[in-house]
Amino acid sequence: MSRPRRSRPEPKKPCCMVSEILEEAGIDRTRLRQIRRQILEGIVLMCQWQLQRMEEPETQKKKRGGREPRRVVVE
């Protein structure tokens, strides 16, 4: 008394769905690759900048004019 299996259509693969969405938005693979590269280069640049700031000696930080607390007079 086994039940017959229902045949369902195969679901779309996520990669195909993403490709369809990008195609509908008018973004082709070359443009997507350019955008991805720009984002990654920006992240790398930001990380390098943060590392440089961490490696600076304290004397240079003070010369640079680090953030000092502001004194405000309240009436």
PDB file of N, CA and C in Angstrom:
ATOM      1  N   MET A   1       0.811  -1.179   0.000  1.00  0.00           N
ATOM      2  CA  MET A   1       0.000   0.000   0.000  1.00  0.00           C
ATOM      3  C   MET A   1       0.867   1.260   0.000  1.00  0.00           C
ATOM      4  N   SER A   2       1.748   1.346  -0.889  1.00  0.00           N
ATOM      5  CA  SER A   2       2.574   2.539  -0.981  1.00  0.00           C
ATOM      6  C   SER A   2       1.836   3.614  -1.766  1.00  0.00           C
ATOM      7  N   ARG A   3       2.075   4.830  -1.386  1.00  0.00           N
ATOM      8  CA  ARG A   3       1.431   5.953  -2.053  1.00  0.00           C
ATOM      9  C   ARG A   3       2.237   6.338  -3.285  1.00  0.00           C
ATOM     10  N   PRO A   4       1.563   6.671  -4.336  1.00  0.00           N
ATOM     11  CA  PRO A   4       2.302   7.115  -5.525  1.00  0.00           C
ATOM     12  C   PRO A   4       2.911   8.501  -5.269  1.00  0.00           C
ATOM     13  N   ARG A   5       4.107   8.705  -5.757  1.00  0.00           N
ATOM     14  CA  ARG A   5       4.778  10.001  -5.594  1.00  0.00           C
ATOM     15  C   ARG A   5       4.181  11.025  -6.542  1.00  0.00           C
ATOM     16  N   ARG A   6       4.028  12.205  -6.009  1.00  0.00           N
ATOM     17  CA  ARG A   6       3.541  13.291  -6.848  1.00  0.00           C
ATOM     18  C   ARG A   6       4.737  13.909  -7.561  1.00  0.00           C
ATOM     19  N   SER A   7       4.546  14.155  -8.795  1.00  0.00           N
ATOM     20  CA  SER A   7       5.650  14.769  -9.538  1.00  0.00           C
ATOM     21  C   SER A   7       5.524  16.287  -9.444  1.00  0.00           C
ATOM     22  N   ARG A   8       6.562  16.896  -8.912  1.00  0.00           N
ATOM     23  CA  ARG A   8       6.612  18.355  -8.790  1.00  0.00           C
ATOM     24  C   ARG A   8       7.627  18.876  -9.783  1.00  0.00           C
ATOM     25  N   PRO A   9       7.369  20.070 -10.286  1.00  0.00           N
ATOM     26  CA  PRO A   9       8.400  20.646 -11.156  1.00  0.00           C
ATOM     27  C   PRO A   9       9.628  20.987 -10.315  1.00  0.00           C
ATOM     28  N   GLU A  10      10.787  20.820 -10.920  1.00  0.00           N
ATOM     29  CA  GLU A  10      12.047  21.112 -10.228  1.00  0.00           C
ATOM     30  C   GLU A  10      12.099  22.600  -9.886  1.00  0.00           C
ATOM     31  N   PRO A  11      12.441  22.939  -8.636  1.00  0.00           N
ATOM     32  CA  PRO A  11      12.565  24.362  -8.290  1.00  0.00           C
ATOM     33  C   PRO A  11      13.780  24.969  -8.979  1.00  0.00           C
ATOM     34  N   LYS A  12      13.687  26.268  -9.211  1.00  0.00           N
ATOM     35  CA  LYS A  12      14.802  26.955  -9.860  1.00  0.00           C
ATOM     36  C   LYS A  12      15.982  27.024  -8.906  1.00  0.00           C
ATOM     37  N   LYS A  13      17.170  26.948  -9.453  1.00  0.00           N
ATOM     38  CA  LYS A  13      18.380  27.072  -8.652  1.00  0.00           C
ATOM     39  C   LYS A  13      18.554  28.535  -8.264  1.00  0.00           C
ATOM     40  N   PRO A  14      19.071  28.790  -7.044  1.00  0.00           N
ATOM     41  CA  PRO A  14      19.263  30.182  -6.618  1.00  0.00           C
ATOM     42  C   PRO A  14      20.142  30.992  -7.569  1.00  0.00           C
ATOM     43  N   CYS A  15      21.173  30.358  -8.126  1.00  0.00           N
ATOM     44  CA  CYS A  15      22.061  31.107  -9.027  1.00  0.00           C
ATOM     45  C   CYS A  15      21.307  31.563 -10.280  1.00  0.00           C
ATOM     46  N   CYS A  16      20.384  30.730 -10.751  1.00  0.00           N
ATOM     47  CA  CYS A  16      19.594  31.110 -11.925  1.00  0.00           C
ATOM     48  C   CYS A  16      18.625  32.242 -11.580  1.00  0.00           C
ATOM     49  N   MET A  17      18.090  32.187 -10.368  1.00  0.00           N
ATOM     50  CA  MET A  17      17.161  33.235  -9.950  1.00  0.00           C
ATOM     51  C   MET A  17      17.878  34.579  -9.858  1.00  0.00           C
ATOM     52  N   VAL A  18      19.094  34.577  -9.311  1.00  0.00           N
ATOM     53  CA  VAL A  18      19.868  35.818  -9.204  1.00  0.00           C
ATOM     54  C   VAL A  18      20.190  36.347 -10.591  1.00  0.00           C
ATOM     55  N   SER A  19      20.578  35.461 -11.496  1.00  0.00           N
ATOM     56  CA  SER A  19      20.884  35.890 -12.860  1.00  0.00           C
ATOM     57  C   SER A  19      19.670  36.537 -13.517  1.00  0.00           C
ATOM     58  N   GLU A  20      18.495  35.955 -13.307  1.00  0.00           N
ATOM     59  CA  GLU A  20      17.267  36.515 -13.887  1.00  0.00           C
ATOM     60  C   GLU A  20      16.967  37.899 -13.308  1.00  0.00           C
ATOM     61  N   ILE A  21      17.143  38.045 -11.995  1.00  0.00           N
ATOM     62  CA  ILE A  21      16.870  39.341 -11.354  1.00  0.00           C
ATOM     63  C   ILE A  21      17.813  40.408 -11.902  1.00  0.00           C
ATOM     64  N   LEU A  22      19.090  40.066 -12.010  1.00  0.00           N
ATOM     65  CA  LEU A  22      20.065  41.032 -12.528  1.00  0.00           C
ATOM     66  C   LEU A  22      19.774  41.376 -13.981  1.00  0.00           C
ATOM     67  N   GLU A  23      19.356  40.389 -14.747  1.00  0.00           N
ATOM     68  CA  GLU A  23      19.032  40.634 -16.151  1.00  0.00           C
ATOM     69  C   GLU A  23      17.838  41.580 -16.262  1.00  0.00           C
ATOM     70  N   GLU A  24      16.849  41.374 -15.401  1.00  0.00           N
ATOM     71  CA  GLU A  24      15.673  42.246 -15.418  1.00  0.00           C
ATOM     72  C   GLU A  24      16.045  43.672 -15.005  1.00  0.00           C
ATOM     73  N   ALA A  25      17.024  43.802 -14.114  1.00  0.00           N
ATOM     74  CA  ALA A  25      17.459  45.123 -13.660  1.00  0.00           C
ATOM     75  C   ALA A  25      18.376  45.795 -14.674  1.00  0.00           C
ATOM     76  N   GLY A  26      18.808  45.058 -15.679  1.00  0.00           N
ATOM     77  CA  GLY A  26      19.664  45.626 -16.710  1.00  0.00           C
ATOM     78  C   GLY A  26      21.140  45.602 -16.361  1.00  0.00           C
ATOM     79  N   ILE A  27      21.531  44.734 -15.442  1.00  0.00           N
ATOM     80  CA  ILE A  27      22.938  44.628 -15.049  1.00  0.00           C
ATOM     81  C   ILE A  27      23.499  43.338 -15.638  1.00  0.00           C
ATOM     82  N   ASP A  28      24.502  43.486 -16.482  1.00  0.00           N
ATOM     83  CA  ASP A  28      25.102  42.292 -17.072  1.00  0.00           C
ATOM     84  C   ASP A  28      26.298  41.835 -16.234  1.00  0.00           C
ATOM     85  N   ARG A  29      26.865  40.711 -16.601  1.00  0.00           N
ATOM     86  CA  ARG A  29      27.954  40.122 -15.811  1.00  0.00           C
ATOM     87  C   ARG A  29      29.186  41.002 -15.737  1.00  0.00           C
ATOM     88  N   THR A  30      29.530  41.664 -16.842  1.00  0.00           N
ATOM     89  CA  THR A  30      30.736  42.505 -16.823  1.00  0.00           C
ATOM     90  C   THR A  30      30.557  43.693 -15.883  1.00  0.00           C
ATOM     91  N   ARG A  31      29.388  44.300 -15.908  1.00  0.00           N
ATOM     92  CA  ARG A  31      29.112  45.433 -15.012  1.00  0.00           C
ATOM     93  C   ARG A  31      29.104  44.959 -13.562  1.00  0.00           C
ATOM     94  N   LEU A  32      28.522  43.808 -13.304  1.00  0.00           N
ATOM     95  CA  LEU A  32      28.484  43.251 -11.959  1.00  0.00           C
ATOM     96  C   LEU A  32      29.896  42.973 -11.455  1.00  0.00           C
ATOM     97  N   ARG A  33      30.744  42.457 -12.312  1.00  0.00           N
ATOM     98  CA  ARG A  33      32.136  42.177 -11.934  1.00  0.00           C
ATOM     99  C   ARG A  33      32.874  43.476 -11.611  1.00  0.00           C
ATOM    100  N   GLN A  34      32.614  44.540 -12.382  1.00  0.00           N
ATOM    101  CA  GLN A  34      33.234  45.845 -12.114  1.00  0.00           C
ATOM    102  C   GLN A  34      32.803  46.380 -10.750  1.00  0.00           C
ATOM    103  N   ILE A  35      31.512  46.304 -10.482  1.00  0.00           N
ATOM    104  CA  ILE A  35      30.985  46.803  -9.212  1.00  0.00           C
ATOM    105  C   ILE A  35      31.572  46.010  -8.049  1.00  0.00           C
ATOM    106  N   ARG A  36      31.609  44.695  -8.176  1.00  0.00           N
ATOM    107  CA  ARG A  36      32.156  43.845  -7.122  1.00  0.00           C
ATOM    108  C   ARG A  36      33.623  44.194  -6.859  1.00  0.00           C
ATOM    109  N   ARG A  37      34.383  44.416  -7.937  1.00  0.00           N
ATOM    110  CA  ARG A  37      35.802  44.759  -7.798  1.00  0.00           C
ATOM    111  C   ARG A  37      35.982  46.108  -7.088  1.00  0.00           C
ATOM    112  N   GLN A  38      35.152  47.097  -7.457  1.00  0.00           N
ATOM    113  CA  GLN A  38      35.236  48.412  -6.813  1.00  0.00           C
ATOM    114  C   GLN A  38      34.926  48.318  -5.321  1.00  0.00           C
ATOM    115  N   ILE A  39      33.938  47.535  -4.972  1.00  0.00           N
ATOM    116  CA  ILE A  39      33.573  47.373  -3.560  1.00  0.00           C
ATOM    117  C   ILE A  39      34.715  46.725  -2.791  1.00  0.00           C
ATOM    118  N   LEU A  40      35.277  45.654  -3.335  1.00  0.00           N
ATOM    119  CA  LEU A  40      36.378  44.974  -2.655  1.00  0.00           C
ATOM    120  C   LEU A  40      37.611  45.867  -2.533  1.00  0.00           C
ATOM    121  N   GLU A  41      37.915  46.645  -3.573  1.00  0.00           N
ATOM    122  CA  GLU A  41      39.050  47.571  -3.498  1.00  0.00           C
ATOM    123  C   GLU A  41      38.805  48.631  -2.432  1.00  0.00           C
ATOM    124  N   GLY A  42      37.577  49.091  -2.316  1.00  0.00           N
ATOM    125  CA  GLY A  42      37.238  50.071  -1.284  1.00  0.00           C
ATOM    126  C   GLY A  42      37.406  49.498   0.110  1.00  0.00           C
ATOM    127  N   ILE A  43      36.997  48.260   0.307  1.00  0.00           N
ATOM    128  CA  ILE A  43      37.149  47.615   1.608  1.00  0.00           C
ATOM    129  C   ILE A  43      38.628  47.446   1.953  1.00  0.00           C
ATOM    130  N   VAL A  44      39.432  47.030   0.974  1.00  0.00           N
ATOM    131  CA  VAL A  44      40.869  46.867   1.194  1.00  0.00           C
ATOM    132  C   VAL A  44      41.502  48.209   1.559  1.00  0.00           C
ATOM    133  N   LEU A  45      41.132  49.265   0.846  1.00  0.00           N
ATOM    134  CA  LEU A  45      41.679  50.596   1.115  1.00  0.00           C
ATOM    135  C   LEU A  45      41.325  51.055   2.524  1.00  0.00           C
ATOM    136  N   MET A  46      40.077  50.825   2.939  1.00  0.00           N
ATOM    137  CA  MET A  46      39.654  51.221   4.271  1.00  0.00           C
ATOM    138  C   MET A  46      40.426  50.444   5.342  1.00  0.00           C
ATOM    139  N   CYS A  47      40.648  49.146   5.117  1.00  0.00           N
ATOM    140  CA  CYS A  47      41.390  48.334   6.084  1.00  0.00           C
ATOM    141  C   CYS A  47      42.846  48.802   6.185  1.00  0.00           C
ATOM    142  N   GLN A  48      43.455  49.131   5.049  1.00  0.00           N
ATOM    143  CA  GLN A  48      44.834  49.633   5.070  1.00  0.00           C
ATOM    144  C   GLN A  48      44.908  50.946   5.849  1.00  0.00           C
ATOM    145  N   TRP A  49      43.950  51.819   5.654  1.00  0.00           N
ATOM    146  CA  TRP A  49      43.912  53.095   6.352  1.00  0.00           C
ATOM    147  C   TRP A  49      43.789  52.876   7.860  1.00  0.00           C
ATOM    148  N   GLN A  50      42.917  51.943   8.255  1.00  0.00           N
ATOM    149  CA  GLN A  50      42.748  51.646   9.682  1.00  0.00           C
ATOM    150  C   GLN A  50      44.036  51.094  10.279  1.00  0.00           C
ATOM    151  N   LEU A  51      44.728  50.216   9.539  1.00  0.00           N
ATOM    152  CA  LEU A  51      45.989  49.661  10.028  1.00  0.00           C
ATOM    153  C   LEU A  51      47.044  50.747  10.191  1.00  0.00           C
ATOM    154  N   GLN A  52      47.112  51.684   9.255  1.00  0.00           N
ATOM    155  CA  GLN A  52      48.060  52.784   9.359  1.00  0.00           C
ATOM    156  C   GLN A  52      47.772  53.629  10.596  1.00  0.00           C
ATOM    157  N   ARG A  53      46.519  53.865  10.868  1.00  0.00           N
ATOM    158  CA  ARG A  53      46.143  54.664  12.041  1.00  0.00           C
ATOM    159  C   ARG A  53      46.525  53.948  13.325  1.00  0.00           C
ATOM    160  N   MET A  54      46.399  52.628  13.344  1.00  0.00           N
ATOM    161  CA  MET A  54      46.736  51.858  14.544  1.00  0.00           C
ATOM    162  C   MET A  54      48.242  51.840  14.790  1.00  0.00           C
ATOM    163  N   GLU A  55      49.034  51.905  13.728  1.00  0.00           N
ATOM    164  CA  GLU A  55      50.477  51.804  13.851  1.00  0.00           C
ATOM    165  C   GLU A  55      51.156  53.144  14.128  1.00  0.00           C
ATOM    166  N   GLU A  56      50.437  54.261  14.043  1.00  0.00           N
ATOM    167  CA  GLU A  56      51.018  55.583  14.283  1.00  0.00           C
ATOM    168  C   GLU A  56      51.436  55.717  15.740  1.00  0.00           C
ATOM    169  N   PRO A  57      52.623  56.289  15.983  1.00  0.00           N
ATOM    170  CA  PRO A  57      53.013  56.556  17.380  1.00  0.00           C
ATOM    171  C   PRO A  57      52.136  57.655  17.973  1.00  0.00           C
ATOM    172  N   GLU A  58      52.085  57.707  19.289  1.00  0.00           N
ATOM    173  CA  GLU A  58      51.232  58.679  19.983  1.00  0.00           C
ATOM    174  C   GLU A  58      51.606  60.122  19.652  1.00  0.00           C
ATOM    175  N   THR A  59      52.902  60.402  19.428  1.00  0.00           N
ATOM    176  CA  THR A  59      53.314  61.783  19.147  1.00  0.00           C
ATOM    177  C   THR A  59      52.709  62.297  17.852  1.00  0.00           C
ATOM    178  N   GLN A  60      52.629  61.431  16.860  1.00  0.00           N
ATOM    179  CA  GLN A  60      52.034  61.866  15.586  1.00  0.00           C
ATOM    180  C   GLN A  60      50.540  62.077  15.729  1.00  0.00           C
ATOM    181  N   LYS A  61      49.910  61.296  16.572  1.00  0.00           N
ATOM    182  CA  LYS A  61      48.472  61.469  16.766  1.00  0.00           C
ATOM    183  C   LYS A  61      48.173  62.829  17.374  1.00  0.00           C
ATOM    184  N   LYS A  62      49.025  63.265  18.315  1.00  0.00           N
ATOM    185  CA  LYS A  62      48.796  64.564  18.949  1.00  0.00           C
ATOM    186  C   LYS A  62      49.081  65.701  17.982  1.00  0.00           C
ATOM    187  N   LYS A  63      50.118  65.551  17.143  1.00  0.00           N
ATOM    188  CA  LYS A  63      50.432  66.585  16.152  1.00  0.00           C
ATOM    189  C   LYS A  63      49.313  66.719  15.128  1.00  0.00           C
ATOM    190  N   ARG A  64      48.714  65.601  14.808  1.00  0.00           N
ATOM    191  CA  ARG A  64      47.661  65.587  13.809  1.00  0.00           C
ATOM    192  C   ARG A  64      46.417  66.331  14.299  1.00  0.00           C
ATOM    193  N   GLY A  65      46.347  66.530  15.582  1.00  0.00           N
ATOM    194  CA  GLY A  65      45.182  67.246  16.103  1.00  0.00           C
ATOM    195  C   GLY A  65      44.038  66.290  16.367  1.00  0.00           C
ATOM    196  N   GLY A  66      44.330  65.259  17.131  1.00  0.00           N
ATOM    197  CA  GLY A  66      43.285  64.300  17.460  1.00  0.00           C
ATOM    198  C   GLY A  66      42.111  64.984  18.138  1.00  0.00           C
ATOM    199  N   ARG A  67      41.085  64.295  18.316  1.00  0.00           N
ATOM    200  CA  ARG A  67      39.881  64.890  18.881  1.00  0.00           C
ATOM    201  C   ARG A  67      40.086  65.223  20.352  1.00  0.00           C
ATOM    202  N   GLU A  68      39.916  66.461  20.653  1.00  0.00           N
ATOM    203  CA  GLU A  68      40.008  66.949  22.026  1.00  0.00           C
ATOM    204  C   GLU A  68      38.588  67.238  22.498  1.00  0.00           C
ATOM    205  N   PRO A  69      38.343  67.101  23.796  1.00  0.00           N
ATOM    206  CA  PRO A  69      37.000  67.446  24.280  1.00  0.00           C
ATOM    207  C   PRO A  69      36.752  68.940  24.128  1.00  0.00           C
ATOM    208  N   ARG A  70      35.569  69.299  23.738  1.00  0.00           N
ATOM    209  CA  ARG A  70      35.206  70.704  23.578  1.00  0.00           C
ATOM    210  C   ARG A  70      34.676  71.246  24.886  1.00  0.00           C
ATOM    211  N   ARG A  71      35.084  72.472  25.175  1.00  0.00           N
ATOM    212  CA  ARG A  71      34.559  73.130  26.386  1.00  0.00           C
ATOM    213  C   ARG A  71      33.471  74.106  25.946  1.00  0.00           C
ATOM    214  N   VAL A  72      32.318  73.894  26.482  1.00  0.00           N
ATOM    215  CA  VAL A  72      31.171  74.707  26.095  1.00  0.00           C
ATOM    216  C   VAL A  72      30.634  75.390  27.342  1.00  0.00           C
ATOM    217  N   VAL A  73      30.365  76.675  27.218  1.00  0.00           N
ATOM    218  CA  VAL A  73      29.790  77.424  28.331  1.00  0.00           C
ATOM    219  C   VAL A  73      28.273  77.434  28.153  1.00  0.00           C
ATOM    220  N   VAL A  74      27.602  76.977  29.187  1.00  0.00           N
ATOM    221  CA  VAL A  74      26.133  76.941  29.147  1.00  0.00           C
ATOM    222  C   VAL A  74      25.609  78.031  30.038  1.00  0.00           C
ATOM    223  N   GLU A  75      24.730  78.852  29.518  1.00  0.00           N
ATOM    224  CA  GLU A  75      24.158  79.948  30.309  1.00  0.00           C
ATOM    225  C   GLU A  75      22.847  79.543  30.897  1.00  0.00           C
TER     226      GLU A  75
END
